[in-house]
Amino acid sequence: MSHELIVYLGREALWTILLITGPILGLGLLTGLLVSIFQATTQIQEQTLAFIPKIIVVLLSVVVFGPWILQVLVEFVEVLYSNIPYYLG
């Protein structure tokens, strides 16, 4: 295995991770921002108010994006497995 191949595989793995986690983290960030704005306008400083909506949105986004996430991961692993002879040779 050459150094270029290792760097390429690492870059593809990181890109896949970012692609998978992006929508979930984005929705969690947006929910946290909306809850923070709500807390600032109403002056409610309850800590659980910040966590519960984010947990619910993240779980719902995993349910919604789950099939797509699975498809992206399966495609990535299929490419890895199909190229094993090239990686070893």
N, C-alpha and C. Protein backbone atom coordinates (compact mmCIF):
# COMPACT_ATOMS: atom_id res chain seq x y z
N MET A 1 0.83 -1.18 0.00
CA MET A 1 0.00 0.00 0.00
C MET A 1 0.88 1.24 0.00
N SER A 2 0.56 2.14 -0.87
CA SER A 2 1.34 3.37 -0.94
C SER A 2 0.75 4.42 0.01
N HIS A 3 1.53 5.44 0.25
CA HIS A 3 1.07 6.51 1.12
C HIS A 3 -0.10 7.26 0.49
N GLU A 4 -0.06 7.40 -0.82
CA GLU A 4 -1.15 8.10 -1.51
C GLU A 4 -2.47 7.36 -1.36
N LEU A 5 -2.41 6.04 -1.42
CA LEU A 5 -3.62 5.23 -1.28
C LEU A 5 -4.18 5.34 0.14
N ILE A 6 -3.31 5.33 1.13
CA ILE A 6 -3.76 5.47 2.51
C ILE A 6 -4.41 6.83 2.74
N VAL A 7 -3.79 7.88 2.21
CA VAL A 7 -4.35 9.22 2.34
C VAL A 7 -5.69 9.29 1.62
N TYR A 8 -5.79 8.69 0.44
CA TYR A 8 -7.05 8.68 -0.31
C TYR A 8 -8.15 7.96 0.46
N LEU A 9 -7.84 6.79 1.01
CA LEU A 9 -8.84 6.04 1.79
C LEU A 9 -9.27 6.81 3.03
N GLY A 10 -8.32 7.44 3.70
CA GLY A 10 -8.66 8.25 4.86
C GLY A 10 -9.54 9.43 4.50
N ARG A 11 -9.22 10.08 3.37
CA ARG A 11 -10.03 11.22 2.92
C ARG A 11 -11.44 10.78 2.56
N GLU A 12 -11.56 9.65 1.88
CA GLU A 12 -12.90 9.14 1.52
C GLU A 12 -13.69 8.74 2.76
N ALA A 13 -13.03 8.16 3.74
CA ALA A 13 -13.71 7.78 4.98
C ALA A 13 -14.19 9.02 5.73
N LEU A 14 -13.35 10.04 5.82
CA LEU A 14 -13.75 11.28 6.49
C LEU A 14 -14.89 11.97 5.74
N TRP A 15 -14.83 11.97 4.42
CA TRP A 15 -15.89 12.58 3.63
C TRP A 15 -17.22 11.85 3.85
N THR A 16 -17.16 10.53 3.93
CA THR A 16 -18.37 9.74 4.17
C THR A 16 -18.93 10.04 5.56
N ILE A 17 -18.07 10.17 6.55
CA ILE A 17 -18.52 10.50 7.90
C ILE A 17 -19.17 11.88 7.92
N LEU A 18 -18.56 12.85 7.28
CA LEU A 18 -19.14 14.19 7.24
C LEU A 18 -20.47 14.20 6.49
N LEU A 19 -20.55 13.45 5.43
CA LEU A 19 -21.78 13.37 4.65
C LEU A 19 -22.91 12.75 5.46
N ILE A 20 -22.59 11.75 6.25
CA ILE A 20 -23.61 11.06 7.04
C ILE A 20 -24.05 11.90 8.24
N THR A 21 -23.10 12.50 8.92
CA THR A 21 -23.44 13.21 10.15
C THR A 21 -23.91 14.64 9.92
N GLY A 22 -23.68 15.18 8.74
CA GLY A 22 -24.04 16.57 8.46
C GLY A 22 -25.49 16.92 8.70
N PRO A 23 -26.43 16.20 8.10
CA PRO A 23 -27.84 16.55 8.32
C PRO A 23 -28.28 16.42 9.77
N ILE A 24 -27.80 15.39 10.45
CA ILE A 24 -28.20 15.19 11.84
C ILE A 24 -27.64 16.29 12.73
N LEU A 25 -26.36 16.61 12.55
CA LEU A 25 -25.76 17.66 13.35
C LEU A 25 -26.33 19.03 13.00
N GLY A 26 -26.65 19.24 11.73
CA GLY A 26 -27.25 20.51 11.32
C GLY A 26 -28.61 20.73 11.96
N LEU A 27 -29.44 19.68 11.97
CA LEU A 27 -30.74 19.81 12.62
C LEU A 27 -30.61 20.00 14.12
N GLY A 28 -29.65 19.33 14.73
CA GLY A 28 -29.42 19.53 16.16
C GLY A 28 -28.94 20.94 16.46
N LEU A 29 -28.08 21.48 15.61
CA LEU A 29 -27.59 22.84 15.77
C LEU A 29 -28.72 23.85 15.60
N LEU A 30 -29.55 23.65 14.60
CA LEU A 30 -30.68 24.55 14.36
C LEU A 30 -31.67 24.51 15.52
N THR A 31 -31.93 23.32 16.03
CA THR A 31 -32.83 23.20 17.18
C THR A 31 -32.24 23.89 18.41
N GLY A 32 -30.95 23.71 18.65
CA GLY A 32 -30.30 24.39 19.78
C GLY A 32 -30.35 25.89 19.65
N LEU A 33 -30.18 26.39 18.43
CA LEU A 33 -30.26 27.84 18.20
C LEU A 33 -31.67 28.36 18.47
N LEU A 34 -32.67 27.64 17.99
CA LEU A 34 -34.06 28.07 18.22
C LEU A 34 -34.42 28.03 19.70
N VAL A 35 -33.97 26.99 20.40
CA VAL A 35 -34.24 26.90 21.84
C VAL A 35 -33.51 28.02 22.58
N SER A 36 -32.30 28.34 22.17
CA SER A 36 -31.54 29.42 22.82
C SER A 36 -32.22 30.76 22.60
N ILE A 37 -32.72 31.00 21.39
CA ILE A 37 -33.45 32.24 21.13
C ILE A 37 -34.72 32.30 21.98
N PHE A 38 -35.42 31.17 22.08
CA PHE A 38 -36.62 31.12 22.92
C PHE A 38 -36.27 31.39 24.38
N GLN A 39 -35.19 30.81 24.87
CA GLN A 39 -34.78 31.02 26.26
C GLN A 39 -34.37 32.47 26.50
N ALA A 40 -33.71 33.08 25.53
CA ALA A 40 -33.28 34.46 25.70
C ALA A 40 -34.47 35.42 25.70
N THR A 41 -35.46 35.14 24.86
CA THR A 41 -36.60 36.06 24.80
C THR A 41 -37.52 35.89 26.00
N THR A 42 -37.66 34.69 26.52
CA THR A 42 -38.54 34.47 27.66
C THR A 42 -37.80 34.51 29.00
N GLN A 43 -36.49 34.58 28.97
CA GLN A 43 -35.62 34.60 30.15
C GLN A 43 -35.81 33.35 31.02
N ILE A 44 -36.11 32.23 30.37
CA ILE A 44 -36.17 30.94 31.06
C ILE A 44 -34.79 30.30 30.93
N GLN A 45 -34.16 30.02 32.04
CA GLN A 45 -32.81 29.46 32.01
C GLN A 45 -32.79 28.03 32.55
N GLU A 46 -33.70 27.23 32.09
CA GLU A 46 -33.76 25.83 32.50
C GLU A 46 -32.87 25.00 31.58
N GLN A 47 -31.95 24.21 32.16
CA GLN A 47 -31.00 23.45 31.37
C GLN A 47 -31.65 22.31 30.60
N THR A 48 -32.66 21.68 31.20
CA THR A 48 -33.29 20.56 30.51
C THR A 48 -34.06 21.03 29.29
N LEU A 49 -34.49 22.28 29.27
CA LEU A 49 -35.20 22.81 28.12
C LEU A 49 -34.30 22.84 26.89
N ALA A 50 -33.01 22.94 27.10
CA ALA A 50 -32.08 22.96 25.98
C ALA A 50 -31.80 21.55 25.44
N PHE A 51 -31.81 20.55 26.30
CA PHE A 51 -31.41 19.21 25.88
C PHE A 51 -32.54 18.37 25.30
N ILE A 52 -33.71 18.44 25.89
CA ILE A 52 -34.81 17.57 25.47
C ILE A 52 -35.20 17.78 24.01
N PRO A 53 -35.42 19.01 23.54
CA PRO A 53 -35.77 19.18 22.11
C PRO A 53 -34.66 18.71 21.17
N LYS A 54 -33.40 18.95 21.56
CA LYS A 54 -32.30 18.49 20.70
C LYS A 54 -32.26 16.97 20.61
N ILE A 55 -32.47 16.30 21.71
CA ILE A 55 -32.46 14.83 21.71
C ILE A 55 -33.59 14.30 20.83
N ILE A 56 -34.76 14.91 20.96
CA ILE A 56 -35.91 14.46 20.16
C ILE A 56 -35.65 14.69 18.67
N VAL A 57 -35.13 15.86 18.31
CA VAL A 57 -34.87 16.15 16.90
C VAL A 57 -33.80 15.25 16.33
N VAL A 58 -32.75 14.98 17.09
CA VAL A 58 -31.68 14.10 16.61
C VAL A 58 -32.20 12.68 16.42
N LEU A 59 -33.00 12.18 17.35
CA LEU A 59 -33.56 10.84 17.19
C LEU A 59 -34.50 10.76 15.99
N LEU A 60 -35.33 11.78 15.82
CA LEU A 60 -36.22 11.79 14.65
C LEU A 60 -35.44 11.90 13.34
N SER A 61 -34.36 12.68 13.35
CA SER A 61 -33.57 12.78 12.13
C SER A 61 -32.85 11.48 11.81
N VAL A 62 -32.46 10.72 12.83
CA VAL A 62 -31.86 9.41 12.58
C VAL A 62 -32.89 8.47 11.96
N VAL A 63 -34.13 8.56 12.43
CA VAL A 63 -35.19 7.73 11.85
C VAL A 63 -35.45 8.14 10.40
N VAL A 64 -35.50 9.44 10.15
CA VAL A 64 -35.80 9.93 8.79
C VAL A 64 -34.64 9.64 7.84
N PHE A 65 -33.41 9.94 8.27
CA PHE A 65 -32.25 9.78 7.40
C PHE A 65 -31.62 8.40 7.48
N GLY A 66 -32.15 7.51 8.31
CA GLY A 66 -31.58 6.18 8.49
C GLY A 66 -31.38 5.38 7.22
N PRO A 67 -32.42 5.26 6.37
CA PRO A 67 -32.23 4.50 5.13
C PRO A 67 -31.16 5.10 4.22
N TRP A 68 -31.12 6.41 4.14
CA TRP A 68 -30.11 7.07 3.31
C TRP A 68 -28.71 6.84 3.88
N ILE A 69 -28.57 6.93 5.20
CA ILE A 69 -27.29 6.69 5.85
C ILE A 69 -26.83 5.26 5.58
N LEU A 70 -27.73 4.31 5.70
CA LEU A 70 -27.39 2.92 5.43
C LEU A 70 -26.95 2.73 3.99
N GLN A 71 -27.63 3.38 3.05
CA GLN A 71 -27.27 3.27 1.64
C GLN A 71 -25.87 3.83 1.38
N VAL A 72 -25.56 4.98 1.96
CA VAL A 72 -24.23 5.58 1.78
C VAL A 72 -23.15 4.68 2.36
N LEU A 73 -23.39 4.12 3.54
CA LEU A 73 -22.40 3.24 4.16
C LEU A 73 -22.20 1.95 3.37
N VAL A 74 -23.30 1.37 2.87
CA VAL A 74 -23.19 0.15 2.08
C VAL A 74 -22.41 0.41 0.80
N GLU A 75 -22.68 1.53 0.14
CA GLU A 75 -21.93 1.86 -1.08
C GLU A 75 -20.45 2.04 -0.79
N PHE A 76 -20.12 2.70 0.32
CA PHE A 76 -18.73 2.92 0.68
C PHE A 76 -18.03 1.58 0.94
N VAL A 77 -18.68 0.69 1.67
CA VAL A 77 -18.07 -0.61 1.99
C VAL A 77 -17.97 -1.47 0.74
N GLU A 78 -18.96 -1.40 -0.16
CA GLU A 78 -18.88 -2.16 -1.40
C GLU A 78 -17.69 -1.72 -2.25
N VAL A 79 -17.44 -0.43 -2.30
CA VAL A 79 -16.29 0.07 -3.04
C VAL A 79 -14.99 -0.41 -2.39
N LEU A 80 -14.95 -0.39 -1.07
CA LEU A 80 -13.75 -0.87 -0.38
C LEU A 80 -13.51 -2.35 -0.67
N TYR A 81 -14.56 -3.16 -0.55
CA TYR A 81 -14.40 -4.60 -0.77
C TYR A 81 -14.07 -4.93 -2.22
N SER A 82 -14.66 -4.21 -3.15
CA SER A 82 -14.39 -4.51 -4.56
C SER A 82 -12.97 -4.12 -4.96
N ASN A 83 -12.35 -3.22 -4.23
CA ASN A 83 -11.00 -2.77 -4.56
C ASN A 83 -9.91 -3.43 -3.71
N ILE A 84 -10.26 -4.45 -2.94
CA ILE A 84 -9.25 -5.11 -2.10
C ILE A 84 -8.09 -5.65 -2.94
N PRO A 85 -8.31 -6.29 -4.09
CA PRO A 85 -7.16 -6.75 -4.88
C PRO A 85 -6.24 -5.61 -5.32
N TYR A 86 -6.83 -4.46 -5.61
CA TYR A 86 -6.01 -3.30 -6.00
C TYR A 86 -5.21 -2.77 -4.82
N TYR A 87 -5.81 -2.80 -3.62
CA TYR A 87 -5.10 -2.31 -2.44
C TYR A 87 -3.93 -3.21 -2.08
N LEU A 88 -4.12 -4.53 -2.25
CA LEU A 88 -3.05 -5.46 -1.88
C LEU A 88 -1.97 -5.61 -2.95
N GLY A 89 -2.38 -5.41 -4.20
CA GLY A 89 -1.43 -5.64 -5.28
C GLY A 89 -0.72 -4.40 -5.63
